[in-house]
Amino acid sequence: MQYLVSVTRNRTEPTPVEAAAAIEAFDEQLRAGGHRVFSGGLAEPATATVIDNRAGAPVLSDGPYLETEEYLVGLWVLEAADLDVALRLAAAGSRAGRARIEVRPFADA
């Protein structure tokens, strides 16, 4: 089963410098264990563009969709046997990145 592991950070908490190396090492562990499907870090929320094409004509807005103190800084897509394994892996990722993490299973297609 695959899980989306979202890494969030508060705007007032910069990413600790030493976290970058720990995140890279953790990512390598995921890869070696066959759990990593995809991972990536994201640019600052101010670089976002929101597109709304529900009315048939796209409307583009600069900046994040929601104004909030916490924002998504990166993600992993993990392959895990079950939720318990995904949570164990995510807990290790939270420690490595010194950040809060949300785990969500992908819906069955």
PDB file of N, CA and C in Angstrom:
ATOM      1  N   MET A   1       0.848  -1.164   0.000  1.00  0.00           N
ATOM      2  CA  MET A   1       0.000   0.000   0.000  1.00  0.00           C
ATOM      3  C   MET A   1       0.900   1.236   0.000  1.00  0.00           C
ATOM      4  N   GLN A   2       0.436   2.299  -0.648  1.00  0.00           N
ATOM      5  CA  GLN A   2       1.215   3.525  -0.692  1.00  0.00           C
ATOM      6  C   GLN A   2       0.622   4.583   0.217  1.00  0.00           C
ATOM      7  N   TYR A   3       1.527   5.406   0.770  1.00  0.00           N
ATOM      8  CA  TYR A   3       1.153   6.451   1.720  1.00  0.00           C
ATOM      9  C   TYR A   3       1.817   7.766   1.324  1.00  0.00           C
ATOM     10  N   LEU A   4       1.070   8.853   1.458  1.00  0.00           N
ATOM     11  CA  LEU A   4       1.626  10.186   1.299  1.00  0.00           C
ATOM     12  C   LEU A   4       2.072  10.655   2.671  1.00  0.00           C
ATOM     13  N   VAL A   5       3.332  11.005   2.778  1.00  0.00           N
ATOM     14  CA  VAL A   5       3.893  11.504   4.027  1.00  0.00           C
ATOM     15  C   VAL A   5       4.245  12.962   3.788  1.00  0.00           C
ATOM     16  N   SER A   6       3.447  13.869   4.357  1.00  0.00           N
ATOM     17  CA  SER A   6       3.609  15.304   4.172  1.00  0.00           C
ATOM     18  C   SER A   6       4.406  15.887   5.326  1.00  0.00           C
ATOM     19  N   VAL A   7       5.417  16.669   4.987  1.00  0.00           N
ATOM     20  CA  VAL A   7       6.273  17.304   5.994  1.00  0.00           C
ATOM     21  C   VAL A   7       5.862  18.760   6.103  1.00  0.00           C
ATOM     22  N   THR A   8       5.504  19.196   7.312  1.00  0.00           N
ATOM     23  CA  THR A   8       5.069  20.574   7.513  1.00  0.00           C
ATOM     24  C   THR A   8       6.021  21.300   8.453  1.00  0.00           C
ATOM     25  N   ARG A   9       6.040  22.597   8.316  1.00  0.00           N
ATOM     26  CA  ARG A   9       6.874  23.422   9.177  1.00  0.00           C
ATOM     27  C   ARG A   9       6.128  24.728   9.439  1.00  0.00           C
ATOM     28  N   ASN A  10       6.355  25.291  10.599  1.00  0.00           N
ATOM     29  CA  ASN A  10       5.790  26.580  10.958  1.00  0.00           C
ATOM     30  C   ASN A  10       6.641  27.670  10.330  1.00  0.00           C
ATOM     31  N   ARG A  11       6.018  28.735   9.849  1.00  0.00           N
ATOM     32  CA  ARG A  11       6.752  29.837   9.214  1.00  0.00           C
ATOM     33  C   ARG A  11       7.844  30.415  10.103  1.00  0.00           C
ATOM     34  N   THR A  12       7.635  30.365  11.398  1.00  0.00           N
ATOM     35  CA  THR A  12       8.610  30.960  12.321  1.00  0.00           C
ATOM     36  C   THR A  12       9.744  30.010  12.678  1.00  0.00           C
ATOM     37  N   GLU A  13       9.669  28.758  12.204  1.00  0.00           N
ATOM     38  CA  GLU A  13      10.705  27.760  12.495  1.00  0.00           C
ATOM     39  C   GLU A  13      11.489  27.431  11.238  1.00  0.00           C
ATOM     40  N   PRO A  14      12.675  28.004  11.086  1.00  0.00           N
ATOM     41  CA  PRO A  14      13.469  27.638   9.912  1.00  0.00           C
ATOM     42  C   PRO A  14      13.946  26.191  10.028  1.00  0.00           C
ATOM     43  N   THR A  15      14.218  25.578   8.886  1.00  0.00           N
ATOM     44  CA  THR A  15      14.737  24.216   8.885  1.00  0.00           C
ATOM     45  C   THR A  15      16.132  24.227   9.491  1.00  0.00           C
ATOM     46  N   PRO A  16      16.362  23.433  10.531  1.00  0.00           N
ATOM     47  CA  PRO A  16      17.707  23.378  11.108  1.00  0.00           C
ATOM     48  C   PRO A  16      18.724  22.905  10.072  1.00  0.00           C
ATOM     49  N   VAL A  17      19.897  23.522  10.060  1.00  0.00           N
ATOM     50  CA  VAL A  17      20.933  23.194   9.080  1.00  0.00           C
ATOM     51  C   VAL A  17      21.283  21.713   9.129  1.00  0.00           C
ATOM     52  N   GLU A  18      21.418  21.160  10.330  1.00  0.00           N
ATOM     53  CA  GLU A  18      21.812  19.755  10.455  1.00  0.00           C
ATOM     54  C   GLU A  18      20.710  18.797   9.991  1.00  0.00           C
ATOM     55  N   ALA A  19      19.488  19.288   9.840  1.00  0.00           N
ATOM     56  CA  ALA A  19      18.386  18.434   9.401  1.00  0.00           C
ATOM     57  C   ALA A  19      18.565  18.000   7.946  1.00  0.00           C
ATOM     58  N   ALA A  20      19.184  18.820   7.118  1.00  0.00           N
ATOM     59  CA  ALA A  20      19.340  18.483   5.701  1.00  0.00           C
ATOM     60  C   ALA A  20      20.107  17.173   5.528  1.00  0.00           C
ATOM     61  N   ALA A  21      21.204  17.009   6.241  1.00  0.00           N
ATOM     62  CA  ALA A  21      21.991  15.777   6.139  1.00  0.00           C
ATOM     63  C   ALA A  21      21.211  14.593   6.694  1.00  0.00           C
ATOM     64  N   ALA A  22      20.491  14.803   7.783  1.00  0.00           N
ATOM     65  CA  ALA A  22      19.701  13.725   8.388  1.00  0.00           C
ATOM     66  C   ALA A  22      18.565  13.294   7.455  1.00  0.00           C
ATOM     67  N   ILE A  23      17.950  14.243   6.777  1.00  0.00           N
ATOM     68  CA  ILE A  23      16.875  13.926   5.840  1.00  0.00           C
ATOM     69  C   ILE A  23      17.435  13.132   4.660  1.00  0.00           C
ATOM     70  N   GLU A  24      18.588  13.539   4.170  1.00  0.00           N
ATOM     71  CA  GLU A  24      19.213  12.820   3.054  1.00  0.00           C
ATOM     72  C   GLU A  24      19.555  11.385   3.450  1.00  0.00           C
ATOM     73  N   ALA A  25      20.085  11.206   4.652  1.00  0.00           N
ATOM     74  CA  ALA A  25      20.417   9.859   5.138  1.00  0.00           C
ATOM     75  C   ALA A  25      19.148   9.019   5.302  1.00  0.00           C
ATOM     76  N   PHE A  26      18.091   9.624   5.831  1.00  0.00           N
ATOM     77  CA  PHE A  26      16.824   8.923   5.998  1.00  0.00           C
ATOM     78  C   PHE A  26      16.259   8.517   4.639  1.00  0.00           C
ATOM     79  N   ASP A  27      16.333   9.410   3.665  1.00  0.00           N
ATOM     80  CA  ASP A  27      15.853   9.119   2.320  1.00  0.00           C
ATOM     81  C   ASP A  27      16.605   7.924   1.731  1.00  0.00           C
ATOM     82  N   GLU A  28      17.903   7.859   1.973  1.00  0.00           N
ATOM     83  CA  GLU A  28      18.703   6.723   1.496  1.00  0.00           C
ATOM     84  C   GLU A  28      18.268   5.417   2.170  1.00  0.00           C
ATOM     85  N   GLN A  29      17.939   5.479   3.458  1.00  0.00           N
ATOM     86  CA  GLN A  29      17.451   4.300   4.175  1.00  0.00           C
ATOM     87  C   GLN A  29      16.127   3.820   3.584  1.00  0.00           C
ATOM     88  N   LEU A  30      15.253   4.769   3.259  1.00  0.00           N
ATOM     89  CA  LEU A  30      13.978   4.409   2.637  1.00  0.00           C
ATOM     90  C   LEU A  30      14.212   3.721   1.294  1.00  0.00           C
ATOM     91  N   ARG A  31      15.115   4.281   0.512  1.00  0.00           N
ATOM     92  CA  ARG A  31      15.429   3.722  -0.806  1.00  0.00           C
ATOM     93  C   ARG A  31      15.991   2.313  -0.662  1.00  0.00           C
ATOM     94  N   ALA A  32      16.945   2.148   0.253  1.00  0.00           N
ATOM     95  CA  ALA A  32      17.586   0.840   0.464  1.00  0.00           C
ATOM     96  C   ALA A  32      16.582  -0.204   0.952  1.00  0.00           C
ATOM     97  N   GLY A  33      15.594   0.223   1.743  1.00  0.00           N
ATOM     98  CA  GLY A  33      14.598  -0.695   2.273  1.00  0.00           C
ATOM     99  C   GLY A  33      13.443  -0.962   1.321  1.00  0.00           C
ATOM    100  N   GLY A  34      13.463  -0.329   0.151  1.00  0.00           N
ATOM    101  CA  GLY A  34      12.397  -0.530  -0.823  1.00  0.00           C
ATOM    102  C   GLY A  34      11.119   0.214  -0.495  1.00  0.00           C
ATOM    103  N   HIS A  35      11.186   1.216   0.385  1.00  0.00           N
ATOM    104  CA  HIS A  35       9.986   1.954   0.791  1.00  0.00           C
ATOM    105  C   HIS A  35       9.770   3.247   0.009  1.00  0.00           C
ATOM    106  N   ARG A  36      10.842   3.820  -0.521  1.00  0.00           N
ATOM    107  CA  ARG A  36      10.730   5.128  -1.177  1.00  0.00           C
ATOM    108  C   ARG A  36      10.224   4.969  -2.598  1.00  0.00           C
ATOM    109  N   VAL A  37       9.073   5.583  -2.879  1.00  0.00           N
ATOM    110  CA  VAL A  37       8.535   5.653  -4.228  1.00  0.00           C
ATOM    111  C   VAL A  37       8.957   6.989  -4.839  1.00  0.00           C
ATOM    112  N   PHE A  38       8.834   8.056  -4.051  1.00  0.00           N
ATOM    113  CA  PHE A  38       9.173   9.409  -4.492  1.00  0.00           C
ATOM    114  C   PHE A  38       9.405  10.264  -3.264  1.00  0.00           C
ATOM    115  N   SER A  39      10.277  11.259  -3.397  1.00  0.00           N
ATOM    116  CA  SER A  39      10.427  12.257  -2.342  1.00  0.00           C
ATOM    117  C   SER A  39      10.832  13.572  -2.979  1.00  0.00           C
ATOM    118  N   GLY A  40      10.506  14.662  -2.309  1.00  0.00           N
ATOM    119  CA  GLY A  40      10.888  15.967  -2.825  1.00  0.00           C
ATOM    120  C   GLY A  40      10.612  17.059  -1.821  1.00  0.00           C
ATOM    121  N   GLY A  41      11.435  18.076  -1.882  1.00  0.00           N
ATOM    122  CA  GLY A  41      11.234  19.280  -1.073  1.00  0.00           C
ATOM    123  C   GLY A  41      10.570  20.348  -1.926  1.00  0.00           C
ATOM    124  N   LEU A  42       9.895  21.273  -1.282  1.00  0.00           N
ATOM    125  CA  LEU A  42       9.161  22.312  -1.997  1.00  0.00           C
ATOM    126  C   LEU A  42       9.748  23.695  -1.710  1.00  0.00           C
ATOM    127  N   ALA A  43       9.618  24.588  -2.678  1.00  0.00           N
ATOM    128  CA  ALA A  43      10.014  25.981  -2.496  1.00  0.00           C
ATOM    129  C   ALA A  43       9.036  26.666  -1.534  1.00  0.00           C
ATOM    130  N   GLU A  44       9.384  27.859  -1.110  1.00  0.00           N
ATOM    131  CA  GLU A  44       8.550  28.627  -0.184  1.00  0.00           C
ATOM    132  C   GLU A  44       7.128  28.823  -0.721  1.00  0.00           C
ATOM    133  N   PRO A  45       6.132  28.917   0.166  1.00  0.00           N
ATOM    134  CA  PRO A  45       4.746  29.100  -0.275  1.00  0.00           C
ATOM    135  C   PRO A  45       4.540  30.330  -1.159  1.00  0.00           C
ATOM    136  N   ALA A  46       5.342  31.359  -0.973  1.00  0.00           N
ATOM    137  CA  ALA A  46       5.187  32.575  -1.776  1.00  0.00           C
ATOM    138  C   ALA A  46       5.432  32.317  -3.262  1.00  0.00           C
ATOM    139  N   THR A  47       6.085  31.202  -3.605  1.00  0.00           N
ATOM    140  CA  THR A  47       6.359  30.888  -5.003  1.00  0.00           C
ATOM    141  C   THR A  47       5.191  30.158  -5.674  1.00  0.00           C
ATOM    142  N   ALA A  48       4.147  29.855  -4.919  1.00  0.00           N
ATOM    143  CA  ALA A  48       3.013  29.081  -5.445  1.00  0.00           C
ATOM    144  C   ALA A  48       2.133  29.914  -6.372  1.00  0.00           C
ATOM    145  N   THR A  49       1.473  29.225  -7.277  1.00  0.00           N
ATOM    146  CA  THR A  49       0.427  29.816  -8.109  1.00  0.00           C
ATOM    147  C   THR A  49      -0.799  28.928  -7.979  1.00  0.00           C
ATOM    148  N   VAL A  50      -1.927  29.529  -7.673  1.00  0.00           N
ATOM    149  CA  VAL A  50      -3.189  28.798  -7.555  1.00  0.00           C
ATOM    150  C   VAL A  50      -3.970  29.010  -8.851  1.00  0.00           C
ATOM    151  N   ILE A  51      -4.487  27.922  -9.409  1.00  0.00           N
ATOM    152  CA  ILE A  51      -5.266  27.983 -10.641  1.00  0.00           C
ATOM    153  C   ILE A  51      -6.672  27.477 -10.352  1.00  0.00           C
ATOM    154  N   ASP A  52      -7.676  28.263 -10.722  1.00  0.00           N
ATOM    155  CA  ASP A  52      -9.075  27.868 -10.565  1.00  0.00           C
ATOM    156  C   ASP A  52      -9.724  27.908 -11.943  1.00  0.00           C
ATOM    157  N   ASN A  53      -9.998  26.732 -12.480  1.00  0.00           N
ATOM    158  CA  ASN A  53     -10.607  26.637 -13.805  1.00  0.00           C
ATOM    159  C   ASN A  53     -11.988  25.988 -13.722  1.00  0.00           C
ATOM    160  N   ARG A  54     -12.643  26.102 -12.580  1.00  0.00           N
ATOM    161  CA  ARG A  54     -13.958  25.478 -12.413  1.00  0.00           C
ATOM    162  C   ARG A  54     -15.019  26.117 -13.297  1.00  0.00           C
ATOM    163  N   ALA A  55     -14.868  27.388 -13.633  1.00  0.00           N
ATOM    164  CA  ALA A  55     -15.880  28.077 -14.435  1.00  0.00           C
ATOM    165  C   ALA A  55     -15.565  28.027 -15.927  1.00  0.00           C
ATOM    166  N   GLY A  56     -14.492  27.321 -16.312  1.00  0.00           N
ATOM    167  CA  GLY A  56     -14.177  27.192 -17.725  1.00  0.00           C
ATOM    168  C   GLY A  56     -13.172  28.199 -18.238  1.00  0.00           C
ATOM    169  N   ALA A  57     -12.764  29.139 -17.412  1.00  0.00           N
ATOM    170  CA  ALA A  57     -11.719  30.102 -17.776  1.00  0.00           C
ATOM    171  C   ALA A  57     -10.750  30.160 -16.602  1.00  0.00           C
ATOM    172  N   PRO A  58      -9.493  29.769 -16.808  1.00  0.00           N
ATOM    173  CA  PRO A  58      -8.557  29.713 -15.689  1.00  0.00           C
ATOM    174  C   PRO A  58      -8.276  31.083 -15.072  1.00  0.00           C
ATOM    175  N   VAL A  59      -8.344  31.116 -13.756  1.00  0.00           N
ATOM    176  CA  VAL A  59      -7.992  32.310 -12.986  1.00  0.00           C
ATOM    177  C   VAL A  59      -6.757  31.952 -12.174  1.00  0.00           C
ATOM    178  N   LEU A  60      -5.680  32.696 -12.370  1.00  0.00           N
ATOM    179  CA  LEU A  60      -4.431  32.429 -11.677  1.00  0.00           C
ATOM    180  C   LEU A  60      -4.222  33.456 -10.577  1.00  0.00           C
ATOM    181  N   SER A  61      -3.787  32.966  -9.411  1.00  0.00           N
ATOM    182  CA  SER A  61      -3.502  33.843  -8.269  1.00  0.00           C
ATOM    183  C   SER A  61      -2.114  33.517  -7.748  1.00  0.00           C
ATOM    184  N   ASP A  62      -1.334  34.536  -7.480  1.00  0.00           N
ATOM    185  CA  ASP A  62      -0.009  34.329  -6.895  1.00  0.00           C
ATOM    186  C   ASP A  62      -0.127  34.046  -5.415  1.00  0.00           C
ATOM    187  N   GLY A  63       0.781  33.221  -4.935  1.00  0.00           N
ATOM    188  CA  GLY A  63       0.835  32.921  -3.510  1.00  0.00           C
ATOM    189  C   GLY A  63       0.089  31.648  -3.170  1.00  0.00           C
ATOM    190  N   PRO A  64       0.169  31.250  -1.908  1.00  0.00           N
ATOM    191  CA  PRO A  64      -0.433  29.981  -1.488  1.00  0.00           C
ATOM    192  C   PRO A  64      -1.957  30.030  -1.506  1.00  0.00           C
ATOM    193  N   TYR A  65      -2.546  28.845  -1.613  1.00  0.00           N
ATOM    194  CA  TYR A  65      -4.004  28.706  -1.600  1.00  0.00           C
ATOM    195  C   TYR A  65      -4.577  29.175  -0.269  1.00  0.00           C
ATOM    196  N   LEU A  66      -3.919  28.797   0.817  1.00  0.00           N
ATOM    197  CA  LEU A  66      -4.370  29.183   2.150  1.00  0.00           C
ATOM    198  C   LEU A  66      -3.287  29.983   2.850  1.00  0.00           C
ATOM    199  N   GLU A  67      -3.675  31.016   3.548  1.00  0.00           N
ATOM    200  CA  GLU A  67      -2.744  31.753   4.396  1.00  0.00           C
ATOM    201  C   GLU A  67      -2.754  31.064   5.758  1.00  0.00           C
ATOM    202  N   THR A  68      -1.615  30.542   6.145  1.00  0.00           N
ATOM    203  CA  THR A  68      -1.526  29.806   7.397  1.00  0.00           C
ATOM    204  C   THR A  68      -0.114  29.894   7.942  1.00  0.00           C
ATOM    205  N   GLU A  69       0.039  29.629   9.203  1.00  0.00           N
ATOM    206  CA  GLU A  69       1.360  29.645   9.819  1.00  0.00           C
ATOM    207  C   GLU A  69       2.158  28.397   9.477  1.00  0.00           C
ATOM    208  N   GLU A  70       1.477  27.290   9.214  1.00  0.00           N
ATOM    209  CA  GLU A  70       2.152  26.054   8.851  1.00  0.00           C
ATOM    210  C   GLU A  70       1.978  25.805   7.363  1.00  0.00           C
ATOM    211  N   TYR A  71       3.000  25.250   6.761  1.00  0.00           N
ATOM    212  CA  TYR A  71       2.923  24.982   5.332  1.00  0.00           C
ATOM    213  C   TYR A  71       3.703  23.722   4.990  1.00  0.00           C
ATOM    214  N   LEU A  72       3.398  23.178   3.834  1.00  0.00           N
ATOM    215  CA  LEU A  72       4.029  21.963   3.341  1.00  0.00           C
ATOM    216  C   LEU A  72       5.423  22.306   2.833  1.00  0.00           C
ATOM    217  N   VAL A  73       6.447  21.602   3.360  1.00  0.00           N
ATOM    218  CA  VAL A  73       7.824  21.855   2.928  1.00  0.00           C
ATOM    219  C   VAL A  73       8.387  20.709   2.088  1.00  0.00           C
ATOM    220  N   GLY A  74       7.749  19.547   2.147  1.00  0.00           N
ATOM    221  CA  GLY A  74       8.228  18.412   1.374  1.00  0.00           C
ATOM    222  C   GLY A  74       7.316  17.226   1.553  1.00  0.00           C
ATOM    223  N   LEU A  75       7.660  16.144   0.843  1.00  0.00           N
ATOM    224  CA  LEU A  75       6.812  14.959   0.931  1.00  0.00           C
ATOM    225  C   LEU A  75       7.590  13.724   0.528  1.00  0.00           C
ATOM    226  N   TRP A  76       7.074  12.610   0.979  1.00  0.00           N
ATOM    227  CA  TRP A  76       7.509  11.292   0.530  1.00  0.00           C
ATOM    228  C   TRP A  76       6.272  10.540   0.099  1.00  0.00           C
ATOM    229  N   VAL A  77       6.403   9.717  -0.905  1.00  0.00           N
ATOM    230  CA  VAL A  77       5.414   8.685  -1.213  1.00  0.00           C
ATOM    231  C   VAL A  77       6.111   7.387  -0.848  1.00  0.00           C
ATOM    232  N   LEU A  78       5.525   6.684   0.124  1.00  0.00           N
ATOM    233  CA  LEU A  78       6.139   5.464   0.642  1.00  0.00           C
ATOM    234  C   LEU A  78       5.329   4.234   0.268  1.00  0.00           C
ATOM    235  N   GLU A  79       6.027   3.151   0.093  1.00  0.00           N
ATOM    236  CA  GLU A  79       5.416   1.834  -0.061  1.00  0.00           C
ATOM    237  C   GLU A  79       5.624   1.116   1.261  1.00  0.00           C
ATOM    238  N   ALA A  80       4.537   0.680   1.885  1.00  0.00           N
ATOM    239  CA  ALA A  80       4.631  -0.007   3.172  1.00  0.00           C
ATOM    240  C   ALA A  80       3.579  -1.105   3.227  1.00  0.00           C
ATOM    241  N   ALA A  81       3.896  -2.159   3.959  1.00  0.00           N
ATOM    242  CA  ALA A  81       2.990  -3.298   4.068  1.00  0.00           C
ATOM    243  C   ALA A  81       1.657  -2.910   4.706  1.00  0.00           C
ATOM    244  N   ASP A  82       1.714  -1.983   5.656  1.00  0.00           N
ATOM    245  CA  ASP A  82       0.501  -1.564   6.347  1.00  0.00           C
ATOM    246  C   ASP A  82       0.741  -0.222   7.035  1.00  0.00           C
ATOM    247  N   LEU A  83      -0.306   0.301   7.668  1.00  0.00           N
ATOM    248  CA  LEU A  83      -0.226   1.614   8.316  1.00  0.00           C
ATOM    249  C   LEU A  83       0.811   1.630   9.430  1.00  0.00           C
ATOM    250  N   ASP A  84       0.935   0.547  10.181  1.00  0.00           N
ATOM    251  CA  ASP A  84       1.913   0.509  11.260  1.00  0.00           C
ATOM    252  C   ASP A  84       3.332   0.728  10.745  1.00  0.00           C
ATOM    253  N   VAL A  85       3.665   0.111   9.633  1.00  0.00           N
ATOM    254  CA  VAL A  85       4.995   0.290   9.036  1.00  0.00           C
ATOM    255  C   VAL A  85       5.150   1.729   8.552  1.00  0.00           C
ATOM    256  N   ALA A  86       4.116   2.261   7.895  1.00  0.00           N
ATOM    257  CA  ALA A  86       4.170   3.644   7.402  1.00  0.00           C
ATOM    258  C   ALA A  86       4.359   4.624   8.556  1.00  0.00           C
ATOM    259  N   LEU A  87       3.671   4.392   9.656  1.00  0.00           N
ATOM    260  CA  LEU A  87       3.800   5.292  10.820  1.00  0.00           C
ATOM    261  C   LEU A  87       5.187   5.193  11.444  1.00  0.00           C
ATOM    262  N   ARG A  88       5.733   4.003  11.505  1.00  0.00           N
ATOM    263  CA  ARG A  88       7.088   3.836  12.043  1.00  0.00           C
ATOM    264  C   ARG A  88       8.096   4.590  11.183  1.00  0.00           C
ATOM    265  N   LEU A  89       7.967   4.449   9.861  1.00  0.00           N
ATOM    266  CA  LEU A  89       8.864   5.151   8.949  1.00  0.00           C
ATOM    267  C   LEU A  89       8.689   6.669   9.059  1.00  0.00           C
ATOM    268  N   ALA A  90       7.447   7.121   9.134  1.00  0.00           N
ATOM    269  CA  ALA A  90       7.174   8.552   9.239  1.00  0.00           C
ATOM    270  C   ALA A  90       7.717   9.129  10.539  1.00  0.00           C
ATOM    271  N   ALA A  91       7.651   8.367  11.616  1.00  0.00           N
ATOM    272  CA  ALA A  91       8.201   8.840  12.896  1.00  0.00           C
ATOM    273  C   ALA A  91       9.701   9.054  12.776  1.00  0.00           C
ATOM    274  N   ALA A  92      10.382   8.157  12.060  1.00  0.00           N
ATOM    275  CA  ALA A  92      11.820   8.325  11.837  1.00  0.00           C
ATOM    276  C   ALA A  92      12.080   9.548  10.957  1.00  0.00           C
ATOM    277  N   GLY A  93      11.234   9.784   9.981  1.00  0.00           N
ATOM    278  CA  GLY A  93      11.365  10.960   9.130  1.00  0.00           C
ATOM    279  C   GLY A  93      11.129  12.247   9.885  1.00  0.00           C
ATOM    280  N   SER A  94      10.177  12.236  10.807  1.00  0.00           N
ATOM    281  CA  SER A  94       9.905  13.405  11.636  1.00  0.00           C
ATOM    282  C   SER A  94      11.119  13.756  12.486  1.00  0.00           C
ATOM    283  N   ARG A  95      11.736  12.727  13.030  1.00  0.00           N
ATOM    284  CA  ARG A  95      12.936  12.953  13.855  1.00  0.00           C
ATOM    285  C   ARG A  95      14.085  13.478  13.002  1.00  0.00           C
ATOM    286  N   ALA A  96      14.292  12.874  11.835  1.00  0.00           N
ATOM    287  CA  ALA A  96      15.387  13.298  10.960  1.00  0.00           C
ATOM    288  C   ALA A  96      15.219  14.752  10.518  1.00  0.00           C
ATOM    289  N   GLY A  97      14.009  15.110  10.113  1.00  0.00           N
ATOM    290  CA  GLY A  97      13.755  16.449   9.603  1.00  0.00           C
ATOM    291  C   GLY A  97      13.381  17.474  10.648  1.00  0.00           C
ATOM    292  N   ARG A  98      13.195  16.984  11.880  1.00  0.00           N
ATOM    293  CA  ARG A  98      12.775  17.872  12.971  1.00  0.00           C
ATOM    294  C   ARG A  98      11.547  18.686  12.569  1.00  0.00           C
ATOM    295  N   ALA A  99      10.548  17.946  12.092  1.00  0.00           N
ATOM    296  CA  ALA A  99       9.326  18.579  11.605  1.00  0.00           C
ATOM    297  C   ALA A  99       8.126  17.694  11.894  1.00  0.00           C
ATOM    298  N   ARG A 100       6.952  18.302  11.875  1.00  0.00           N
ATOM    299  CA  ARG A 100       5.714  17.528  11.996  1.00  0.00           C
ATOM    300  C   ARG A 100       5.424  16.864  10.673  1.00  0.00           C
ATOM    301  N   ILE A 101       4.809  15.700  10.752  1.00  0.00           N
ATOM    302  CA  ILE A 101       4.530  14.913   9.550  1.00  0.00           C
ATOM    303  C   ILE A 101       3.104  14.386   9.614  1.00  0.00           C
ATOM    304  N   GLU A 102       2.437  14.401   8.458  1.00  0.00           N
ATOM    305  CA  GLU A 102       1.110  13.803   8.328  1.00  0.00           C
ATOM    306  C   GLU A 102       1.218  12.599   7.400  1.00  0.00           C
ATOM    307  N   VAL A 103       0.571  11.503   7.777  1.00  0.00           N
ATOM    308  CA  VAL A 103       0.569  10.287   6.970  1.00  0.00           C
ATOM    309  C   VAL A 103      -0.855  10.017   6.497  1.00  0.00           C
ATOM    310  N   ARG A 104      -0.997   9.819   5.184  1.00  0.00           N
ATOM    311  CA  ARG A 104      -2.320   9.508   4.626  1.00  0.00           C
ATOM    312  C   ARG A 104      -2.189   8.427   3.576  1.00  0.00           C
ATOM    313  N   PRO A 105      -3.008   7.388   3.673  1.00  0.00           N
ATOM    314  CA  PRO A 105      -2.984   6.366   2.623  1.00  0.00           C
ATOM    315  C   PRO A 105      -3.625   6.915   1.348  1.00  0.00           C
ATOM    316  N   PHE A 106      -3.133   6.437   0.216  1.00  0.00           N
ATOM    317  CA  PHE A 106      -3.794   6.776  -1.040  1.00  0.00           C
ATOM    318  C   PHE A 106      -5.096   5.989  -1.110  1.00  0.00           C
ATOM    319  N   ALA A 107      -6.115   6.609  -1.655  1.00  0.00           N
ATOM    320  CA  ALA A 107      -7.405   5.937  -1.814  1.00  0.00           C
ATOM    321  C   ALA A 107      -7.257   4.843  -2.869  1.00  0.00           C
ATOM    322  N   ASP A 108      -7.995   3.772  -2.703  1.00  0.00           N
ATOM    323  CA  ASP A 108      -7.981   2.704  -3.708  1.00  0.00           C
ATOM    324  C   ASP A 108      -8.504   3.252  -5.026  1.00  0.00           C
ATOM    325  N   ALA A 109      -7.830   2.906  -6.076  1.00  0.00           N
ATOM    326  CA  ALA A 109      -8.237   3.401  -7.399  1.00  0.00           C
ATOM    327  C   ALA A 109      -9.364   2.583  -7.954  1.00  0.00           C
TER     328      ALA A 109
END
